[in-house]
Amino acid sequence: GWGHVRRVSTPEDGRIVRVELTQHGKEVATKANRARDEVVAAALEQLSEEHRTALHEGITILRGLAEQLLKSDLGK
């Protein structure tokens, strides 16, 4: 393997095995997240102020809907 994750046995229950990021895996994930953030930021810079505002409003609405779903029976 590439050494990004490791399997960790659970002392309480030997049938359970967790998968965790190794230090190397954490570093790779951090770099990937930074690269993604840079790409998204560059894409957003291409939008007009009007479109950025509309996008922000849309995201706010979606976040509210998601919160309502989680609190309702539909989220179960």
C-alpha atoms as a PDB file:
ATOM      1  CA  GLY A   1       0.000   0.000   0.000  1.00  0.00           C
ATOM      2  CA  TRP A   2       0.869   3.644  -0.027  1.00  0.00           C
ATOM      3  CA  GLY A   3       0.839   3.985   3.738  1.00  0.00           C
ATOM      4  CA  HIS A   4      -2.034   6.474   3.922  1.00  0.00           C
ATOM      5  CA  VAL A   5      -4.130   4.452   6.363  1.00  0.00           C
ATOM      6  CA  ARG A   6      -3.622   1.846   9.038  1.00  0.00           C
ATOM      7  CA  ARG A   7      -5.920  -0.702  10.609  1.00  0.00           C
ATOM      8  CA  VAL A   8      -6.312  -0.463  14.381  1.00  0.00           C
ATOM      9  CA  SER A   9      -7.901  -3.252  16.422  1.00  0.00           C
ATOM     10  CA  THR A  10     -10.354  -2.229  19.092  1.00  0.00           C
ATOM     11  CA  PRO A  11      -9.383  -3.615  22.527  1.00  0.00           C
ATOM     12  CA  GLU A  12     -13.030  -3.709  23.692  1.00  0.00           C
ATOM     13  CA  ASP A  13     -14.145  -5.884  20.776  1.00  0.00           C
ATOM     14  CA  GLY A  14     -11.629  -7.762  18.650  1.00  0.00           C
ATOM     15  CA  ARG A  15     -14.164  -8.011  15.817  1.00  0.00           C
ATOM     16  CA  ILE A  16     -14.047  -4.245  15.305  1.00  0.00           C
ATOM     17  CA  VAL A  17     -11.179  -2.831  13.278  1.00  0.00           C
ATOM     18  CA  ARG A  18     -10.916   0.921  12.778  1.00  0.00           C
ATOM     19  CA  VAL A  19      -9.175   2.530   9.841  1.00  0.00           C
ATOM     20  CA  GLU A  20      -7.151   5.658  10.633  1.00  0.00           C
ATOM     21  CA  LEU A  21      -5.021   8.004   8.589  1.00  0.00           C
ATOM     22  CA  THR A  22      -1.304   7.634   9.183  1.00  0.00           C
ATOM     23  CA  GLN A  23       0.799  10.768   9.621  1.00  0.00           C
ATOM     24  CA  HIS A  24       1.673  10.486   5.926  1.00  0.00           C
ATOM     25  CA  GLY A  25      -2.029  10.100   5.091  1.00  0.00           C
ATOM     26  CA  LYS A  26      -2.846  13.228   7.108  1.00  0.00           C
ATOM     27  CA  GLU A  27      -0.168  15.174   5.234  1.00  0.00           C
ATOM     28  CA  VAL A  28      -1.502  13.982   1.865  1.00  0.00           C
ATOM     29  CA  ALA A  29      -5.072  14.872   2.888  1.00  0.00           C
ATOM     30  CA  THR A  30      -3.971  18.331   4.058  1.00  0.00           C
ATOM     31  CA  LYS A  31      -2.193  19.002   0.756  1.00  0.00           C
ATOM     32  CA  ALA A  32      -5.201  17.767  -1.226  1.00  0.00           C
ATOM     33  CA  ASN A  33      -7.556  19.974   0.797  1.00  0.00           C
ATOM     34  CA  ARG A  34      -5.337  23.015   0.243  1.00  0.00           C
ATOM     35  CA  ALA A  35      -5.184  22.333  -3.493  1.00  0.00           C
ATOM     36  CA  ARG A  36      -8.970  21.948  -3.636  1.00  0.00           C
ATOM     37  CA  ASP A  37      -9.453  25.202  -1.714  1.00  0.00           C
ATOM     38  CA  GLU A  38      -7.161  27.041  -4.140  1.00  0.00           C
ATOM     39  CA  VAL A  39      -9.059  25.703  -7.164  1.00  0.00           C
ATOM     40  CA  VAL A  40     -12.422  26.657  -5.662  1.00  0.00           C
ATOM     41  CA  ALA A  41     -11.145  30.119  -4.684  1.00  0.00           C
ATOM     42  CA  ALA A  42      -9.841  30.707  -8.216  1.00  0.00           C
ATOM     43  CA  ALA A  43     -13.174  29.606  -9.677  1.00  0.00           C
ATOM     44  CA  LEU A  44     -15.120  31.889  -7.331  1.00  0.00           C
ATOM     45  CA  GLU A  45     -12.917  34.834  -8.292  1.00  0.00           C
ATOM     46  CA  GLN A  46     -14.150  34.405 -11.860  1.00  0.00           C
ATOM     47  CA  LEU A  47     -17.748  35.046 -10.759  1.00  0.00           C
ATOM     48  CA  SER A  48     -19.228  38.511 -10.759  1.00  0.00           C
ATOM     49  CA  GLU A  49     -20.093  40.041  -7.394  1.00  0.00           C
ATOM     50  CA  GLU A  50     -23.763  39.511  -8.248  1.00  0.00           C
ATOM     51  CA  HIS A  51     -23.220  35.804  -8.896  1.00  0.00           C
ATOM     52  CA  ARG A  52     -21.117  35.374  -5.732  1.00  0.00           C
ATOM     53  CA  THR A  53     -23.919  36.981  -3.720  1.00  0.00           C
ATOM     54  CA  ALA A  54     -26.517  34.729  -5.367  1.00  0.00           C
ATOM     55  CA  LEU A  55     -24.352  31.669  -4.690  1.00  0.00           C
ATOM     56  CA  HIS A  56     -23.948  32.654  -1.033  1.00  0.00           C
ATOM     57  CA  GLU A  57     -27.703  33.111  -0.666  1.00  0.00           C
ATOM     58  CA  GLY A  58     -28.345  29.745  -2.308  1.00  0.00           C
ATOM     59  CA  ILE A  59     -25.874  27.978  -0.043  1.00  0.00           C
ATOM     60  CA  THR A  60     -27.477  29.600   3.003  1.00  0.00           C
ATOM     61  CA  ILE A  61     -30.896  28.336   1.900  1.00  0.00           C
ATOM     62  CA  LEU A  62     -29.558  24.821   1.262  1.00  0.00           C
ATOM     63  CA  ARG A  63     -27.847  24.748   4.660  1.00  0.00           C
ATOM     64  CA  GLY A  64     -31.131  25.691   6.327  1.00  0.00           C
ATOM     65  CA  LEU A  65     -32.982  22.972   4.435  1.00  0.00           C
ATOM     66  CA  ALA A  66     -30.353  20.402   5.417  1.00  0.00           C
ATOM     67  CA  GLU A  67     -30.669  21.387   9.087  1.00  0.00           C
ATOM     68  CA  GLN A  68     -34.462  21.062   8.893  1.00  0.00           C
ATOM     69  CA  LEU A  69     -34.110  17.631   7.301  1.00  0.00           C
ATOM     70  CA  LEU A  70     -31.775  16.441  10.029  1.00  0.00           C
ATOM     71  CA  LYS A  71     -34.236  17.577  12.708  1.00  0.00           C
ATOM     72  CA  SER A  72     -37.252  16.012  10.992  1.00  0.00           C
ATOM     73  CA  ASP A  73     -38.340  12.417  10.590  1.00  0.00           C
ATOM     74  CA  LEU A  74     -37.174  12.598   6.973  1.00  0.00           C
ATOM     75  CA  GLY A  75     -33.577  12.657   8.134  1.00  0.00           C
ATOM     76  CA  LYS A  76     -33.901   9.320   9.920  1.00  0.00           C
END
